Amino acid sequence: MSGPLPILTGREDYGSGMATPRIVLFGATGFTGRLTAEALVARGARPLLAGRDEARLTALAESLGGDLPVAVADVGRPESVRRIARRGDVLISTVGPFVRWGEAAVAAATEAGAVYFDTTGEPTFVKRIFQRYGPAAAARGAALVTAFGYDYVPGNLAATMALGKAGPGAARVDVGYFVDGAGVGHASAGTRASALGMLLEPMYGFRDGRIAPEHGRTRKFVVDGRARHGLSIGASEHFTLPPAHAGLREVNVYLGWLGGLTRVAGVLARATPVIAAVPGVRRATEALADRVLRTGVGGGPAGPGMTTHVVAEAYDAEGRRLAAVHVAGGDPYEFTARVLAWAADTALAEGVHGTGALGPVDAFGLDALTRGCAEAGMTVRE
């Protein structure tokens, strides 16, 4: 883009430095952003819609009632993102791939002392939030709640419940994410672009009480009497669960969206460090991700026929299973939008518990998060 990036407004002057906190939705015109905007308006919220395309922002505001304020902001000009964040605001970022484009919003929220949520599922970005941005956010009174959507709120919820049932003898927890009725074929263009970016990134787990490299581990779960296979992935659970459970020495998170290809993907994942070192591979992967975003390749939400399952199993040091919790819902994109809207609405009205990099249970408490997930369509199965 060239030229200045103006702040555009609805009836309030959102560029004037007013102290009244509000919800800011950055990336509002993207697929997940639009769903989140709709969910916020359905709750009675009036978010500031932010993004880089003035015409699309205005059209979205009109489609949602015509009275929502908008602001032009572009990750290529971090100062334009900083202008939309104020102390006490709730800033939601849906701008991905996050490893490439997500840092402007995090930095803006940190500097302003705002509450920040994002929709990333990218392990490298999650790690960056906890290890790089968390301490700075705590010092400034900001709260960063990353991966606040289907990735990885349900796993945090289920694992916390399973560990609570297991008691102090729990030394390991495994979390698995699975889907029925659709899957990778219905992933949005943004999800596909983020997945391409993850292909060459180093993965991690939590082993022997520390974050450790992880490549290609797979395991089988039994969900509703059916065997499911998952591929290990870096997630927020690796950072959020151990501090809250002193005896926990191992955390594993598995993604089961690949179905029968999971084991093949595990073999390929073990070769990631070698592939990533080949000259030109990263640039080619980024170019492919950009093409996916430009063409909009991706199926989007699958509708009412889709079901999602998240299972958490807690084990003792000898490998005996102590407890298990199963949560289930529908379309993951719809869940993400609704749980984000609940979180932003709640944080604006009541705040969150703590500062720095927080997990979803840390930010809201287990009971409130359980209610929020239920409102968004993800419930605990007995």
Protein backbone atom coordinates (compact mmCIF):
# COMPACT_ATOMS: atom_id res chain seq x y z
CA MET A 1 0.00 0.00 0.00
CA SER A 2 1.11 3.62 -0.52
CA GLY A 3 0.12 6.88 1.14
CA PRO A 4 -1.20 7.46 4.66
CA LEU A 5 -3.48 4.99 6.38
CA PRO A 6 -6.40 7.03 7.74
CA ILE A 7 -8.45 6.19 10.78
CA LEU A 8 -12.06 6.00 9.70
CA THR A 9 -14.85 6.17 12.22
CA GLY A 10 -18.50 5.51 12.84
CA ARG A 11 -20.33 7.79 15.24
CA GLU A 12 -17.54 7.71 17.86
CA ASP A 13 -14.06 9.08 17.22
CA TYR A 14 -12.01 5.94 17.67
CA GLY A 15 -8.85 7.74 16.62
CA SER A 16 -9.03 10.49 19.24
CA GLY A 17 -7.55 8.64 22.21
CA MET A 18 -10.85 8.32 24.09
CA ALA A 19 -10.40 6.33 27.27
CA THR A 20 -13.57 4.28 26.92
CA PRO A 21 -12.46 0.66 26.38
CA ARG A 22 -13.84 -1.15 23.38
CA ILE A 23 -13.44 -4.35 21.37
CA VAL A 24 -11.15 -4.04 18.35
CA LEU A 25 -11.33 -6.76 15.69
CA PHE A 26 -8.20 -6.71 13.53
CA GLY A 27 -8.52 -8.75 10.33
CA ALA A 28 -12.27 -8.25 10.35
CA THR A 29 -12.81 -8.83 6.62
CA GLY A 30 -11.10 -12.22 6.51
CA PHE A 31 -13.01 -15.48 6.77
CA THR A 32 -12.65 -15.97 10.53
CA GLY A 33 -12.76 -12.23 11.14
CA ARG A 34 -16.12 -11.90 9.44
CA LEU A 35 -17.58 -14.81 11.42
CA THR A 36 -16.27 -13.25 14.62
CA ALA A 37 -17.73 -9.85 13.73
CA GLU A 38 -21.12 -11.49 13.19
CA ALA A 39 -20.86 -13.33 16.51
CA LEU A 40 -19.92 -10.13 18.36
CA VAL A 41 -22.84 -8.20 16.88
CA ALA A 42 -25.18 -11.10 17.74
CA ARG A 43 -24.11 -10.66 21.39
CA GLY A 44 -24.93 -6.94 21.24
CA ALA A 45 -21.31 -5.78 20.97
CA ARG A 46 -20.22 -2.92 18.72
CA PRO A 47 -16.64 -3.74 17.74
CA LEU A 48 -14.25 -1.47 15.92
CA LEU A 49 -13.61 -3.28 12.62
CA ALA A 50 -9.99 -2.96 11.52
CA GLY A 51 -8.11 -4.13 8.44
CA ARG A 52 -6.20 -2.86 5.44
CA ASP A 53 -9.01 -2.49 2.88
CA GLU A 54 -11.29 0.50 3.48
CA ALA A 55 -13.94 -0.56 0.98
CA ARG A 56 -14.28 -4.08 2.39
CA LEU A 57 -14.41 -2.76 5.96
CA THR A 58 -17.18 -0.33 5.05
CA ALA A 59 -19.13 -3.05 3.24
CA LEU A 60 -18.82 -5.35 6.24
CA ALA A 61 -19.96 -2.63 8.62
CA GLU A 62 -22.99 -1.96 6.42
CA SER A 63 -23.86 -5.66 6.21
CA LEU A 64 -23.83 -5.83 10.01
CA GLY A 65 -26.15 -2.89 10.49
CA GLY A 66 -24.28 0.04 8.97
CA ASP A 67 -23.32 1.73 12.24
CA LEU A 68 -20.06 0.05 13.25
CA PRO A 69 -16.84 2.09 13.40
CA VAL A 70 -13.97 1.06 11.14
CA ALA A 71 -10.23 1.74 11.09
CA VAL A 72 -7.63 1.11 8.40
CA ALA A 73 -4.57 -0.72 9.73
CA ASP A 74 -1.89 -2.74 7.96
CA VAL A 75 0.73 -5.09 9.43
CA GLY A 76 3.20 -3.59 6.94
CA ARG A 77 2.89 -0.33 8.87
CA PRO A 78 3.01 -1.26 12.55
CA GLU A 79 2.27 2.32 13.62
CA SER A 80 -1.17 2.02 12.04
CA VAL A 81 -1.86 -1.03 14.20
CA ARG A 82 -0.57 0.72 17.33
CA ARG A 83 -3.01 3.56 16.69
CA ILE A 84 -6.02 1.30 17.11
CA ALA A 85 -4.98 -0.19 20.49
CA ARG A 86 -5.63 1.64 23.76
CA ARG A 87 -5.16 0.66 27.41
CA GLY A 88 -8.16 -1.35 28.57
CA ASP A 89 -9.17 -2.33 25.03
CA VAL A 90 -9.78 -5.92 23.97
CA LEU A 91 -7.88 -6.53 20.73
CA ILE A 92 -8.75 -9.63 18.69
CA SER A 93 -6.38 -10.57 15.87
CA THR A 94 -7.42 -12.96 13.11
CA VAL A 95 -4.58 -11.92 10.77
CA GLY A 96 -2.69 -15.01 9.65
CA PRO A 97 -0.43 -16.71 8.85
CA PHE A 98 0.58 -15.40 12.26
CA VAL A 99 4.27 -16.25 12.07
CA ARG A 100 4.53 -13.84 9.12
CA TRP A 101 1.92 -11.21 9.96
CA GLY A 102 0.83 -11.61 13.57
CA GLU A 103 3.46 -9.71 15.52
CA ALA A 104 2.21 -6.18 14.81
CA ALA A 105 -1.00 -6.80 16.76
CA VAL A 106 0.81 -8.48 19.67
CA ALA A 107 3.28 -5.61 19.92
CA ALA A 108 0.46 -3.05 19.78
CA ALA A 109 -1.52 -4.76 22.53
CA THR A 110 1.59 -5.16 24.68
CA GLU A 111 2.61 -1.53 24.32
CA ALA A 112 -0.91 -0.29 25.05
CA GLY A 113 -1.57 -2.56 28.03
CA ALA A 114 -4.58 -4.14 26.31
CA VAL A 115 -6.17 -7.59 26.50
CA TYR A 116 -5.23 -9.56 23.40
CA PHE A 117 -6.76 -12.66 21.79
CA ASP A 118 -5.81 -14.36 18.54
CA THR A 119 -6.93 -17.34 16.48
CA THR A 120 -3.57 -18.86 15.67
CA GLY A 121 -2.98 -22.59 15.56
CA GLU A 122 0.67 -22.14 14.57
CA PRO A 123 3.06 -23.74 17.08
CA THR A 124 5.93 -21.34 16.41
CA PHE A 125 3.74 -18.32 17.04
CA VAL A 126 2.25 -19.79 20.22
CA LYS A 127 5.77 -20.41 21.51
CA ARG A 128 6.78 -16.88 20.60
CA ILE A 129 3.89 -15.42 22.61
CA PHE A 130 4.81 -17.29 25.77
CA GLN A 131 8.57 -17.00 25.56
CA ARG A 132 9.15 -13.62 23.89
CA TYR A 133 6.11 -11.44 24.46
CA GLY A 134 4.75 -12.72 27.76
CA PRO A 135 7.32 -11.07 30.06
CA ALA A 136 7.04 -7.70 28.29
CA ALA A 137 3.23 -7.86 28.44
CA ALA A 138 3.30 -8.58 32.18
CA ALA A 139 5.55 -5.57 32.74
CA ARG A 140 3.10 -3.30 30.90
CA GLY A 141 -0.08 -4.73 32.40
CA ALA A 142 -1.18 -6.39 29.16
CA ALA A 143 -2.75 -9.85 28.91
CA LEU A 144 -1.99 -12.05 25.89
CA VAL A 145 -4.31 -15.02 25.34
CA THR A 146 -3.09 -16.75 22.21
CA ALA A 147 -4.68 -19.63 20.26
CA PHE A 148 -8.14 -18.75 21.55
CA GLY A 149 -10.34 -20.81 19.26
CA TYR A 150 -10.81 -24.42 18.30
CA ASP A 151 -7.03 -24.36 18.45
CA TYR A 152 -6.54 -24.75 21.46
CA VAL A 153 -9.29 -23.84 23.91
CA PRO A 154 -11.12 -27.23 24.03
CA GLY A 155 -7.90 -29.12 24.78
CA ASN A 156 -7.01 -26.77 27.62
CA LEU A 157 -10.50 -27.22 29.02
CA ALA A 158 -10.58 -31.02 28.72
CA ALA A 159 -7.02 -31.47 30.02
CA THR A 160 -7.63 -29.24 33.05
CA MET A 161 -10.73 -31.27 33.90
CA ALA A 162 -8.93 -34.59 33.41
CA LEU A 163 -6.00 -33.50 35.57
CA GLY A 164 -8.40 -32.29 38.24
CA LYS A 165 -10.09 -35.70 38.29
CA ALA A 166 -6.76 -37.53 38.28
CA GLY A 167 -5.43 -35.66 41.30
CA PRO A 168 -1.81 -35.09 42.35
CA GLY A 169 -0.65 -38.46 40.96
CA ALA A 170 -0.96 -37.24 37.36
CA ALA A 171 2.41 -37.03 35.63
CA ARG A 172 1.34 -36.94 31.96
CA VAL A 173 -1.59 -35.74 29.91
CA ASP A 174 -2.36 -36.49 26.25
CA VAL A 175 -4.81 -34.37 24.24
CA GLY A 176 -6.27 -35.36 20.86
CA TYR A 177 -8.26 -33.24 18.38
CA PHE A 178 -10.51 -35.08 15.89
CA VAL A 179 -13.21 -34.26 13.36
CA ASP A 180 -16.05 -36.14 11.65
CA GLY A 181 -18.01 -35.20 8.57
CA ALA A 182 -15.48 -32.93 6.87
CA GLY A 183 -11.89 -32.20 7.80
CA VAL A 184 -8.99 -30.83 5.81
CA GLY A 185 -11.10 -30.48 2.68
CA HIS A 186 -13.22 -27.82 4.39
CA ALA A 187 -10.34 -25.79 5.81
CA SER A 188 -10.45 -22.09 4.94
CA ALA A 189 -7.81 -20.45 2.78
CA GLY A 190 -6.29 -18.86 5.88
CA THR A 191 -6.05 -22.22 7.62
CA ARG A 192 -4.41 -23.80 4.59
CA ALA A 193 -1.90 -20.95 4.32
CA SER A 194 -1.04 -21.26 7.99
CA ALA A 195 -0.65 -25.03 7.63
CA LEU A 196 1.77 -24.53 4.76
CA GLY A 197 3.79 -22.20 6.94
CA MET A 198 3.88 -24.78 9.72
CA LEU A 199 5.30 -27.50 7.48
CA LEU A 200 8.90 -26.37 7.89
CA GLU A 201 8.71 -25.01 11.43
CA PRO A 202 10.29 -26.91 14.35
CA MET A 203 7.70 -28.73 16.46
CA TYR A 204 7.83 -29.19 20.22
CA GLY A 205 6.33 -31.01 23.17
CA PHE A 206 6.72 -30.92 26.94
CA ARG A 207 9.06 -33.64 28.21
CA ASP A 208 10.76 -34.16 31.57
CA GLY A 209 9.43 -30.85 32.80
CA ARG A 210 10.59 -28.68 29.88
CA ILE A 211 9.73 -27.66 26.33
CA ALA A 212 11.60 -30.08 24.03
CA PRO A 213 11.84 -30.72 20.25
CA GLU A 214 9.26 -33.11 18.83
CA HIS A 215 8.96 -34.52 15.31
CA GLY A 216 6.46 -37.01 13.99
CA ARG A 217 5.17 -38.77 17.11
CA THR A 218 1.79 -40.43 16.57
CA ARG A 219 -0.60 -42.27 18.86
CA LYS A 220 -4.02 -43.90 18.85
CA PHE A 221 -7.04 -42.73 20.82
CA VAL A 222 -10.39 -44.45 21.14
CA VAL A 223 -13.24 -41.97 20.76
CA ASP A 224 -16.85 -43.17 20.89
CA GLY A 225 -15.59 -46.71 20.40
CA ARG A 226 -13.64 -45.83 17.26
CA ALA A 227 -9.85 -45.85 16.88
CA ARG A 228 -8.40 -42.46 15.89
CA HIS A 229 -4.79 -41.59 15.12
CA GLY A 230 -3.21 -38.23 15.81
CA LEU A 231 0.07 -36.52 14.88
CA SER A 232 1.94 -34.59 17.58
CA ILE A 233 1.83 -30.81 17.30
CA GLY A 234 3.08 -27.88 19.36
CA ALA A 235 0.21 -26.17 21.17
CA SER A 236 -0.65 -23.80 23.98
CA GLU A 237 -1.33 -26.73 26.34
CA HIS A 238 2.44 -27.30 26.59
CA PHE A 239 2.84 -23.87 28.18
CA THR A 240 -0.40 -23.47 30.11
CA LEU A 241 -0.88 -26.82 31.86
CA PRO A 242 2.47 -27.45 33.65
CA PRO A 243 2.49 -24.27 35.77
CA ALA A 244 -0.97 -25.14 37.11
CA HIS A 245 -0.17 -28.81 37.88
CA ALA A 246 3.06 -29.20 39.83
CA GLY A 247 3.53 -32.94 39.24
CA LEU A 248 3.04 -32.78 35.48
CA ARG A 249 6.16 -33.93 33.61
CA GLU A 250 4.82 -34.59 30.12
CA VAL A 251 2.22 -32.94 27.87
CA ASN A 252 1.38 -34.29 24.41
CA VAL A 253 -1.05 -32.77 21.91
CA TYR A 254 -2.13 -34.65 18.78
CA LEU A 255 -4.01 -33.44 15.71
CA GLY A 256 -6.21 -36.08 14.09
CA TRP A 257 -7.59 -34.19 11.09
CA LEU A 258 -5.53 -36.21 8.61
CA GLY A 259 -7.30 -39.51 9.25
CA GLY A 260 -5.61 -42.42 7.50
CA LEU A 261 -2.73 -40.21 6.36
CA THR A 262 -1.61 -39.52 9.92
CA ARG A 263 1.13 -42.14 10.02
CA VAL A 264 2.50 -41.06 6.63
CA ALA A 265 2.51 -37.48 7.87
CA GLY A 266 4.45 -38.62 10.93
CA VAL A 267 7.19 -40.06 8.74
CA LEU A 268 7.37 -36.85 6.71
CA ALA A 269 7.44 -34.74 9.89
CA ARG A 270 10.56 -36.53 11.07
CA ALA A 271 12.28 -35.36 7.90
CA THR A 272 11.29 -31.70 8.42
CA PRO A 273 14.71 -30.47 9.70
CA VAL A 274 16.43 -31.85 6.61
CA ILE A 275 13.83 -30.49 4.17
CA ALA A 276 13.81 -27.05 5.83
CA ALA A 277 17.57 -26.74 5.30
CA VAL A 278 17.27 -27.04 1.51
CA PRO A 279 17.90 -23.63 -0.12
CA GLY A 280 14.77 -22.01 -1.52
CA VAL A 281 12.26 -24.33 0.15
CA ARG A 282 10.98 -21.77 2.65
CA ARG A 283 10.58 -19.12 -0.03
CA ALA A 284 8.67 -21.55 -2.25
CA THR A 285 6.40 -22.51 0.64
CA GLU A 286 5.63 -18.86 1.40
CA ALA A 287 4.86 -18.22 -2.28
CA LEU A 288 2.44 -21.15 -2.30
CA ALA A 289 0.76 -19.86 0.87
CA ASP A 290 0.37 -16.42 -0.73
CA ARG A 291 -1.23 -18.03 -3.78
CA VAL A 292 -3.69 -19.92 -1.58
CA LEU A 293 -4.70 -16.66 0.08
CA ARG A 294 -5.04 -14.78 -3.22
CA THR A 295 -7.20 -17.42 -4.84
CA GLY A 296 -9.25 -18.16 -1.73
CA VAL A 297 -8.74 -21.91 -2.06
CA GLY A 298 -10.52 -23.68 0.78
CA GLY A 299 -13.95 -25.00 1.58
CA GLY A 300 -14.82 -23.05 4.69
CA PRO A 301 -17.32 -24.27 7.28
CA ALA A 302 -18.93 -27.63 6.73
CA GLY A 303 -22.25 -26.86 8.39
CA PRO A 304 -24.38 -28.90 10.78
CA GLY A 305 -23.12 -32.30 9.61
CA MET A 306 -19.66 -31.71 11.04
CA THR A 307 -18.74 -32.82 14.55
CA THR A 308 -15.52 -32.26 16.47
CA HIS A 309 -14.12 -34.23 19.38
CA VAL A 310 -11.37 -33.34 21.82
CA VAL A 311 -10.16 -35.97 24.28
CA ALA A 312 -7.79 -35.52 27.22
CA GLU A 313 -6.32 -38.48 29.13
CA ALA A 314 -4.28 -38.17 32.34
CA TYR A 315 -1.72 -40.82 33.36
CA ASP A 316 0.47 -41.50 36.37
CA ALA A 317 4.26 -41.92 36.21
CA GLU A 318 3.89 -45.66 35.46
CA GLY A 319 1.61 -45.06 32.48
CA ARG A 320 -1.68 -46.00 34.16
CA ARG A 321 -4.63 -43.96 32.94
CA LEU A 322 -6.21 -42.09 35.83
CA ALA A 323 -8.92 -40.01 34.14
CA ALA A 324 -10.30 -38.98 30.76
CA VAL A 325 -12.54 -36.16 29.55
CA HIS A 326 -14.27 -35.85 26.17
CA VAL A 327 -15.67 -32.57 24.84
CA ALA A 328 -17.59 -32.37 21.57
CA GLY A 329 -19.08 -29.76 19.29
CA GLY A 330 -19.79 -28.82 15.69
CA ASP A 331 -18.05 -26.69 13.09
CA PRO A 332 -14.67 -25.49 14.43
CA TYR A 333 -14.85 -22.13 12.64
CA GLU A 334 -18.25 -21.36 14.13
CA PHE A 335 -16.97 -22.40 17.55
CA THR A 336 -13.92 -20.17 17.19
CA ALA A 337 -16.01 -17.13 16.29
CA ARG A 338 -18.50 -17.67 19.09
CA VAL A 339 -15.97 -18.42 21.82
CA LEU A 340 -13.93 -15.37 20.76
CA ALA A 341 -17.04 -13.20 20.95
CA TRP A 342 -17.82 -14.58 24.42
CA ALA A 343 -14.25 -14.02 25.58
CA ALA A 344 -14.02 -10.47 24.25
CA ASP A 345 -17.41 -9.52 25.69
CA THR A 346 -16.49 -11.02 29.07
CA ALA A 347 -13.03 -9.47 29.14
CA LEU A 348 -14.41 -6.02 28.29
CA ALA A 349 -17.01 -6.22 31.05
CA GLU A 350 -15.06 -8.05 33.76
CA GLY A 351 -11.41 -8.15 32.72
CA VAL A 352 -9.23 -11.27 32.81
CA HIS A 353 -7.31 -12.89 35.64
CA GLY A 354 -3.68 -11.83 35.39
CA THR A 355 -1.25 -10.27 32.94
CA GLY A 356 1.43 -11.59 30.61
CA ALA A 357 0.90 -14.66 28.45
CA LEU A 358 -2.13 -16.56 29.76
CA GLY A 359 -3.92 -19.78 28.94
CA PRO A 360 -7.71 -19.79 28.56
CA VAL A 361 -8.26 -21.34 32.00
CA ASP A 362 -5.84 -18.85 33.55
CA ALA A 363 -7.67 -15.94 31.96
CA PHE A 364 -11.24 -16.85 32.93
CA GLY A 365 -11.22 -19.72 35.42
CA LEU A 366 -12.42 -23.24 34.71
CA ASP A 367 -16.10 -22.72 35.53
CA ALA A 368 -16.48 -19.58 33.43
CA LEU A 369 -14.57 -21.11 30.51
CA THR A 370 -16.78 -24.20 30.64
CA ARG A 371 -19.86 -21.98 30.39
CA GLY A 372 -18.31 -19.95 27.58
CA CYS A 373 -17.47 -23.05 25.58
CA ALA A 374 -20.99 -24.39 26.10
CA GLU A 375 -22.43 -21.10 24.78
CA ALA A 376 -20.16 -21.48 21.75
CA GLY A 377 -21.30 -25.07 21.14
CA MET A 378 -18.57 -27.17 22.75
CA THR A 379 -19.84 -29.25 25.67
CA VAL A 380 -18.45 -31.88 28.02
CA ARG A 381 -19.70 -35.41 27.39
CA GLU A 382 -20.28 -37.69 30.35
